[in-house]
């Protein structure tokens, strides 16, 4: 059986779709011929979710600047704008 399921077939044979997701990999569900959903095993989902980096990781692995760019950033204006009385 293929890994593609029409929605009505997936609904009628849901336990088979889940079983195949655990043994044969992700099962794609289509609606009117268009891919709309994927049924994954819990293990595949955990692996996929674990690959998502944390916000801290994104910040720490950001772009690396050369010395010239860092000097340019450090020479920027220190003007804090004008004082406004409220």
Protein backbone atom coordinates (compact mmCIF):
# COMPACT_ATOMS: atom_id res chain seq x y z
CA UNK A 1 0.00 0.00 0.00
CA UNK A 2 1.41 3.45 -0.85
CA UNK A 3 2.27 6.13 1.69
CA UNK A 4 -0.39 8.44 0.21
CA UNK A 5 -3.97 8.26 1.47
CA UNK A 6 -7.09 10.04 0.31
CA UNK A 7 -8.76 11.65 3.32
CA UNK A 8 -11.82 9.41 3.16
CA UNK A 9 -9.63 6.29 3.02
CA UNK A 10 -7.44 7.53 5.87
CA UNK A 11 -10.53 8.13 8.01
CA UNK A 12 -11.98 4.70 7.24
CA UNK A 13 -8.66 2.91 7.86
CA UNK A 14 -7.08 5.18 10.48
CA UNK A 15 -5.59 2.38 12.58
CA UNK A 16 -3.84 1.05 9.46
CA UNK A 17 -2.51 4.53 8.66
CA UNK A 18 -1.10 4.79 12.19
CA UNK A 19 0.39 1.30 12.04
CA UNK A 20 2.06 2.08 8.69
CA UNK A 21 3.40 5.36 10.09
CA UNK A 22 5.22 3.39 12.78
CA UNK A 23 6.58 0.73 10.42
CA UNK A 24 6.89 2.33 6.97
CA UNK A 25 7.46 5.99 7.83
CA UNK A 26 5.36 9.13 7.36
CA UNK A 27 1.93 8.72 5.75
CA UNK A 28 0.65 11.59 3.59
CA UNK A 29 -3.06 12.41 3.65
CA UNK A 30 -4.52 14.19 0.62
CA UNK A 31 -7.75 16.10 0.18
CA UNK A 32 -8.98 16.43 -3.38
CA UNK A 33 -5.56 15.42 -4.62
CA UNK A 34 -3.68 18.05 -2.59
CA UNK A 35 -1.34 17.02 0.25
CA UNK A 36 -2.89 18.36 3.46
CA UNK A 37 -1.46 16.39 6.40
CA UNK A 38 1.20 13.91 7.42
CA UNK A 39 0.79 11.17 10.01
CA UNK A 40 4.08 10.52 11.85
CA UNK A 41 5.05 7.96 14.43
CA UNK A 42 5.67 9.39 17.90
CA UNK A 43 9.37 8.55 17.53
CA UNK A 44 9.67 10.44 14.23
CA UNK A 45 7.86 13.41 15.75
CA UNK A 46 10.23 13.52 18.75
CA UNK A 47 13.25 13.40 16.43
CA UNK A 48 11.81 16.21 14.34
CA UNK A 49 11.01 18.33 17.37
CA UNK A 50 14.44 17.75 18.91
CA UNK A 51 16.12 19.29 15.85
CA UNK A 52 14.56 22.68 16.55
CA UNK A 53 17.23 24.94 18.11
CA UNK A 54 16.41 27.01 21.17
CA UNK A 55 16.30 30.81 21.02
CA UNK A 56 19.60 30.97 22.93
CA UNK A 57 21.24 28.65 20.39
CA UNK A 58 20.05 30.88 17.55
CA UNK A 59 21.52 33.96 19.25
CA UNK A 60 24.82 32.29 20.08
CA UNK A 61 25.20 30.92 16.57
CA UNK A 62 24.37 34.20 14.87
CA UNK A 63 26.53 35.91 12.27
CA UNK A 64 30.21 36.37 13.02
CA UNK A 65 31.52 39.89 12.39
CA UNK A 66 35.03 40.77 11.28
CA UNK A 67 37.11 43.31 13.25
CA UNK A 68 36.32 46.13 10.83
CA UNK A 69 32.57 45.70 11.28
CA UNK A 70 32.91 45.53 15.06
CA UNK A 71 34.95 48.77 15.04
CA UNK A 72 32.26 50.42 12.93
CA UNK A 73 29.56 49.32 15.39
CA UNK A 74 31.58 50.62 18.35
CA UNK A 75 32.14 54.03 16.67
CA UNK A 76 28.41 54.65 16.21
CA UNK A 77 26.89 57.79 17.66
CA UNK A 78 26.25 57.71 21.40
CA UNK A 79 23.59 60.40 21.07
CA UNK A 80 20.55 59.36 23.05
CA UNK A 81 18.22 61.82 21.42
CA UNK A 82 16.57 64.84 22.98
CA UNK A 83 15.01 65.08 26.40
CA UNK A 84 11.26 65.14 26.46
CA UNK A 85 9.30 66.34 29.44
CA UNK A 86 6.11 64.47 30.09
